[in-house]
Amino acid sequence: MFADSGFAGRLVEWTRDILRTTLEIVQKPADQQGFVVHRRRWVVERTLAWLTAHRRLARDYETRPATSEAMIRWAAVAGMLSHLTRGGPATRQQRRTFNTPD
């Protein structure tokens, strides 16, 4: 996994200990001036852009971290489902009718 240099610190140890995976921090060179495309940084930026495309994640509305985590997982699953179903034949959703008592 990759993360921006703003996430360096305890997150690296947490991903190693809890998630049992390696988190690589993508840092810019010390002598950089101006805009330069960095290796694998676009993956981090693209992922954050996909997540913030979901309305509920565009602002920080949640007060509990567990709710925020659930919303991030929900957005990630929705994004993955849209990628997995891409390329199939277009289908129209069935019209729903509800029986109401007379």
N, C-alpha and C. Protein backbone atom coordinates (compact mmCIF):
# COMPACT_ATOMS: atom_id res chain seq x y z
N MET A 1 0.84 -1.16 0.00
CA MET A 1 0.00 0.00 0.00
C MET A 1 0.89 1.23 0.00
N PHE A 2 0.35 2.34 -0.51
CA PHE A 2 1.09 3.58 -0.60
C PHE A 2 0.33 4.67 0.14
N ALA A 3 1.06 5.61 0.72
CA ALA A 3 0.45 6.74 1.40
C ALA A 3 1.31 7.98 1.19
N ASP A 4 0.67 9.12 1.31
CA ASP A 4 1.34 10.41 1.21
C ASP A 4 2.23 10.61 2.43
N SER A 5 3.21 11.49 2.31
CA SER A 5 4.13 11.72 3.43
C SER A 5 3.43 12.31 4.65
N GLY A 6 2.24 12.86 4.48
CA GLY A 6 1.48 13.36 5.61
C GLY A 6 0.99 12.25 6.54
N PHE A 7 1.01 11.02 6.07
CA PHE A 7 0.55 9.89 6.87
C PHE A 7 1.70 9.11 7.50
N ALA A 8 2.92 9.60 7.37
CA ALA A 8 4.07 8.91 7.97
C ALA A 8 3.96 8.97 9.49
N GLY A 9 4.53 7.99 10.15
CA GLY A 9 4.50 7.97 11.61
C GLY A 9 3.89 6.68 12.11
N ARG A 10 2.93 6.80 13.02
CA ARG A 10 2.34 5.63 13.64
C ARG A 10 1.53 4.77 12.68
N LEU A 11 1.07 5.36 11.57
CA LEU A 11 0.28 4.59 10.61
C LEU A 11 1.09 3.46 10.00
N VAL A 12 2.38 3.66 9.81
CA VAL A 12 3.23 2.62 9.23
C VAL A 12 3.29 1.41 10.16
N GLU A 13 3.49 1.65 11.45
CA GLU A 13 3.52 0.55 12.40
C GLU A 13 2.16 -0.11 12.54
N TRP A 14 1.09 0.69 12.51
CA TRP A 14 -0.26 0.16 12.65
C TRP A 14 -0.59 -0.78 11.49
N THR A 15 -0.26 -0.39 10.26
CA THR A 15 -0.54 -1.26 9.12
C THR A 15 0.31 -2.53 9.17
N ARG A 16 1.51 -2.41 9.68
CA ARG A 16 2.37 -3.59 9.80
C ARG A 16 1.82 -4.54 10.86
N ASP A 17 1.42 -4.00 12.02
CA ASP A 17 0.99 -4.85 13.14
C ASP A 17 -0.44 -5.34 12.99
N ILE A 18 -1.35 -4.47 12.62
CA ILE A 18 -2.77 -4.83 12.58
C ILE A 18 -3.16 -5.44 11.24
N LEU A 19 -2.79 -4.79 10.13
CA LEU A 19 -3.18 -5.26 8.81
C LEU A 19 -2.21 -6.28 8.23
N ARG A 20 -1.03 -6.39 8.85
CA ARG A 20 0.03 -7.30 8.39
C ARG A 20 0.38 -7.06 6.92
N THR A 21 0.57 -5.80 6.60
CA THR A 21 0.97 -5.42 5.25
C THR A 21 1.97 -4.28 5.33
N THR A 22 2.63 -4.00 4.24
CA THR A 22 3.64 -2.95 4.21
C THR A 22 3.04 -1.68 3.64
N LEU A 23 3.23 -0.60 4.34
CA LEU A 23 2.79 0.72 3.89
C LEU A 23 4.02 1.51 3.46
N GLU A 24 4.06 1.85 2.19
CA GLU A 24 5.19 2.62 1.67
C GLU A 24 4.81 4.09 1.60
N ILE A 25 5.60 4.94 2.24
CA ILE A 25 5.36 6.38 2.23
C ILE A 25 6.05 6.97 1.00
N VAL A 26 5.26 7.64 0.16
CA VAL A 26 5.79 8.27 -1.05
C VAL A 26 6.16 9.70 -0.69
N GLN A 27 7.45 10.00 -0.73
CA GLN A 27 7.92 11.33 -0.35
C GLN A 27 8.54 12.03 -1.56
N LYS A 28 8.46 13.36 -1.53
CA LYS A 28 9.08 14.11 -2.61
C LYS A 28 10.55 14.33 -2.29
N PRO A 29 11.38 14.47 -3.32
CA PRO A 29 12.81 14.72 -3.10
C PRO A 29 13.03 16.07 -2.41
N ALA A 30 14.08 16.15 -1.59
CA ALA A 30 14.35 17.37 -0.84
C ALA A 30 14.69 18.56 -1.75
N ASP A 31 15.26 18.29 -2.92
CA ASP A 31 15.67 19.38 -3.81
C ASP A 31 14.60 19.75 -4.84
N GLN A 32 13.40 19.22 -4.71
CA GLN A 32 12.34 19.49 -5.69
C GLN A 32 11.82 20.91 -5.58
N GLN A 33 11.62 21.53 -6.72
CA GLN A 33 10.99 22.85 -6.79
C GLN A 33 9.91 22.77 -7.86
N GLY A 34 8.72 23.23 -7.54
CA GLY A 34 7.63 23.18 -8.50
C GLY A 34 6.96 21.82 -8.54
N PHE A 35 6.13 21.62 -9.58
CA PHE A 35 5.37 20.39 -9.71
C PHE A 35 6.17 19.32 -10.44
N VAL A 36 6.21 18.14 -9.85
CA VAL A 36 6.86 16.98 -10.46
C VAL A 36 5.99 15.77 -10.16
N VAL A 37 5.77 14.92 -11.17
CA VAL A 37 5.00 13.70 -10.96
C VAL A 37 5.89 12.69 -10.25
N HIS A 38 5.39 12.15 -9.14
CA HIS A 38 6.16 11.20 -8.35
C HIS A 38 5.68 9.79 -8.61
N ARG A 39 6.59 8.86 -8.42
CA ARG A 39 6.30 7.44 -8.61
C ARG A 39 5.19 7.01 -7.65
N ARG A 40 4.15 6.43 -8.20
CA ARG A 40 3.02 5.84 -7.48
C ARG A 40 2.18 6.84 -6.69
N ARG A 41 2.51 8.12 -6.70
CA ARG A 41 1.71 9.08 -5.95
C ARG A 41 0.33 9.25 -6.58
N TRP A 42 0.25 9.11 -7.89
CA TRP A 42 -1.03 9.25 -8.57
C TRP A 42 -2.03 8.22 -8.09
N VAL A 43 -1.56 7.06 -7.64
CA VAL A 43 -2.46 6.02 -7.13
C VAL A 43 -3.15 6.52 -5.86
N VAL A 44 -2.40 7.16 -5.00
CA VAL A 44 -2.96 7.70 -3.75
C VAL A 44 -3.96 8.80 -4.08
N GLU A 45 -3.58 9.73 -4.95
CA GLU A 45 -4.46 10.84 -5.29
C GLU A 45 -5.73 10.36 -5.98
N ARG A 46 -5.61 9.38 -6.88
CA ARG A 46 -6.76 8.85 -7.58
C ARG A 46 -7.72 8.17 -6.62
N THR A 47 -7.19 7.40 -5.68
CA THR A 47 -8.03 6.70 -4.71
C THR A 47 -8.78 7.69 -3.83
N LEU A 48 -8.10 8.73 -3.37
CA LEU A 48 -8.78 9.75 -2.56
C LEU A 48 -9.85 10.47 -3.37
N ALA A 49 -9.60 10.71 -4.65
CA ALA A 49 -10.59 11.36 -5.51
C ALA A 49 -11.81 10.46 -5.69
N TRP A 50 -11.60 9.15 -5.88
CA TRP A 50 -12.73 8.24 -6.01
C TRP A 50 -13.57 8.21 -4.74
N LEU A 51 -12.91 8.20 -3.59
CA LEU A 51 -13.65 8.15 -2.34
C LEU A 51 -14.44 9.44 -2.09
N THR A 52 -13.83 10.58 -2.37
CA THR A 52 -14.53 11.84 -2.11
C THR A 52 -15.60 12.14 -3.15
N ALA A 53 -15.68 11.33 -4.20
CA ALA A 53 -16.77 11.48 -5.17
C ALA A 53 -18.10 11.08 -4.55
N HIS A 54 -18.06 10.29 -3.49
CA HIS A 54 -19.28 9.91 -2.79
C HIS A 54 -19.70 11.06 -1.88
N ARG A 55 -20.94 11.45 -1.99
CA ARG A 55 -21.44 12.66 -1.33
C ARG A 55 -21.19 12.67 0.18
N ARG A 56 -21.36 11.54 0.81
CA ARG A 56 -21.23 11.50 2.27
C ARG A 56 -19.79 11.69 2.72
N LEU A 57 -18.82 11.39 1.84
CA LEU A 57 -17.42 11.54 2.20
C LEU A 57 -16.83 12.87 1.75
N ALA A 58 -17.62 13.68 1.04
CA ALA A 58 -17.12 14.96 0.55
C ALA A 58 -16.88 15.94 1.70
N ARG A 59 -17.61 15.79 2.77
CA ARG A 59 -17.44 16.63 3.96
C ARG A 59 -17.31 15.73 5.18
N ASP A 60 -16.81 16.27 6.25
CA ASP A 60 -16.63 15.48 7.46
C ASP A 60 -17.86 15.62 8.35
N TYR A 61 -18.90 14.86 8.03
CA TYR A 61 -20.15 14.92 8.78
C TYR A 61 -20.16 14.00 9.99
N GLU A 62 -19.38 12.97 9.96
CA GLU A 62 -19.46 11.93 10.99
C GLU A 62 -18.73 12.35 12.26
N THR A 63 -19.29 11.97 13.40
CA THR A 63 -18.65 12.27 14.68
C THR A 63 -17.90 11.07 15.24
N ARG A 64 -18.28 9.88 14.81
CA ARG A 64 -17.63 8.67 15.30
C ARG A 64 -16.69 8.11 14.24
N PRO A 65 -15.47 7.76 14.60
CA PRO A 65 -14.54 7.17 13.63
C PRO A 65 -15.07 5.88 13.00
N ALA A 66 -15.81 5.09 13.76
CA ALA A 66 -16.34 3.84 13.21
C ALA A 66 -17.32 4.11 12.08
N THR A 67 -18.11 5.17 12.20
CA THR A 67 -19.05 5.52 11.13
C THR A 67 -18.30 6.00 9.90
N SER A 68 -17.25 6.79 10.10
CA SER A 68 -16.44 7.23 8.97
C SER A 68 -15.80 6.05 8.26
N GLU A 69 -15.30 5.10 9.03
CA GLU A 69 -14.68 3.91 8.45
C GLU A 69 -15.70 3.11 7.64
N ALA A 70 -16.92 3.00 8.16
CA ALA A 70 -17.96 2.28 7.44
C ALA A 70 -18.30 2.98 6.13
N MET A 71 -18.35 4.31 6.14
CA MET A 71 -18.66 5.05 4.92
C MET A 71 -17.55 4.90 3.88
N ILE A 72 -16.30 4.86 4.33
CA ILE A 72 -15.18 4.67 3.42
C ILE A 72 -15.24 3.27 2.80
N ARG A 73 -15.54 2.27 3.63
CA ARG A 73 -15.67 0.90 3.11
C ARG A 73 -16.82 0.80 2.12
N TRP A 74 -17.94 1.47 2.43
CA TRP A 74 -19.09 1.46 1.55
C TRP A 74 -18.73 2.07 0.20
N ALA A 75 -18.04 3.20 0.22
CA ALA A 75 -17.63 3.85 -1.02
C ALA A 75 -16.66 2.98 -1.81
N ALA A 76 -15.74 2.31 -1.12
CA ALA A 76 -14.78 1.45 -1.80
C ALA A 76 -15.46 0.25 -2.44
N VAL A 77 -16.42 -0.34 -1.74
CA VAL A 77 -17.16 -1.49 -2.29
C VAL A 77 -17.98 -1.03 -3.50
N ALA A 78 -18.63 0.11 -3.40
CA ALA A 78 -19.43 0.62 -4.52
C ALA A 78 -18.54 0.88 -5.74
N GLY A 79 -17.37 1.43 -5.51
CA GLY A 79 -16.44 1.67 -6.61
C GLY A 79 -15.96 0.38 -7.24
N MET A 80 -15.66 -0.61 -6.42
CA MET A 80 -15.21 -1.89 -6.93
C MET A 80 -16.32 -2.59 -7.72
N LEU A 81 -17.55 -2.51 -7.22
CA LEU A 81 -18.66 -3.12 -7.95
C LEU A 81 -18.88 -2.46 -9.30
N SER A 82 -18.74 -1.15 -9.36
CA SER A 82 -18.93 -0.47 -10.65
C SER A 82 -17.83 -0.87 -11.63
N HIS A 83 -16.62 -1.08 -11.14
CA HIS A 83 -15.54 -1.52 -12.02
C HIS A 83 -15.72 -2.96 -12.48
N LEU A 84 -16.22 -3.82 -11.59
CA LEU A 84 -16.41 -5.22 -11.94
C LEU A 84 -17.55 -5.42 -12.93
N THR A 85 -18.58 -4.59 -12.84
CA THR A 85 -19.75 -4.76 -13.71
C THR A 85 -19.62 -3.96 -15.00
N ARG A 86 -18.56 -3.20 -15.15
CA ARG A 86 -18.38 -2.42 -16.37
C ARG A 86 -18.15 -3.35 -17.56
N GLY A 87 -18.69 -2.99 -18.70
CA GLY A 87 -18.47 -3.76 -19.90
C GLY A 87 -19.55 -4.79 -20.18
N GLY A 88 -20.44 -5.00 -19.26
CA GLY A 88 -21.53 -5.94 -19.49
C GLY A 88 -22.66 -5.28 -20.25
N PRO A 89 -23.66 -6.04 -20.64
CA PRO A 89 -24.79 -5.44 -21.35
C PRO A 89 -25.58 -4.52 -20.43
N ALA A 90 -26.11 -3.46 -21.00
CA ALA A 90 -26.90 -2.52 -20.23
C ALA A 90 -28.23 -3.17 -19.85
N THR A 91 -28.63 -2.97 -18.63
CA THR A 91 -29.91 -3.52 -18.17
C THR A 91 -30.71 -2.40 -17.55
N ARG A 92 -32.01 -2.49 -17.69
CA ARG A 92 -32.90 -1.49 -17.12
C ARG A 92 -33.49 -2.05 -15.84
N GLN A 93 -33.57 -1.24 -14.83
CA GLN A 93 -34.14 -1.69 -13.57
C GLN A 93 -35.64 -1.92 -13.74
N GLN A 94 -36.13 -3.01 -13.16
CA GLN A 94 -37.54 -3.33 -13.27
C GLN A 94 -38.38 -2.29 -12.52
N ARG A 95 -39.52 -1.96 -13.11
CA ARG A 95 -40.43 -1.02 -12.45
C ARG A 95 -41.07 -1.73 -11.26
N ARG A 96 -41.10 -1.05 -10.15
CA ARG A 96 -41.67 -1.65 -8.95
C ARG A 96 -43.06 -1.09 -8.71
N THR A 97 -43.96 -1.96 -8.42
CA THR A 97 -45.32 -1.54 -8.06
C THR A 97 -45.61 -2.06 -6.67
N PHE A 98 -46.29 -1.27 -5.91
CA PHE A 98 -46.60 -1.63 -4.55
C PHE A 98 -48.10 -1.84 -4.41
N ASN A 99 -48.46 -2.92 -3.78
CA ASN A 99 -49.88 -3.18 -3.53
C ASN A 99 -50.30 -2.38 -2.32
N THR A 100 -51.29 -1.54 -2.54
CA THR A 100 -51.81 -0.73 -1.42
C THR A 100 -53.20 -1.23 -1.06
N PRO A 101 -53.49 -1.28 0.21
CA PRO A 101 -54.83 -1.74 0.61
C PRO A 101 -55.88 -0.71 0.16
N ASP A 102 -57.01 -1.23 -0.25
CA ASP A 102 -58.12 -0.35 -0.72
C ASP A 102 -58.83 0.33 0.41
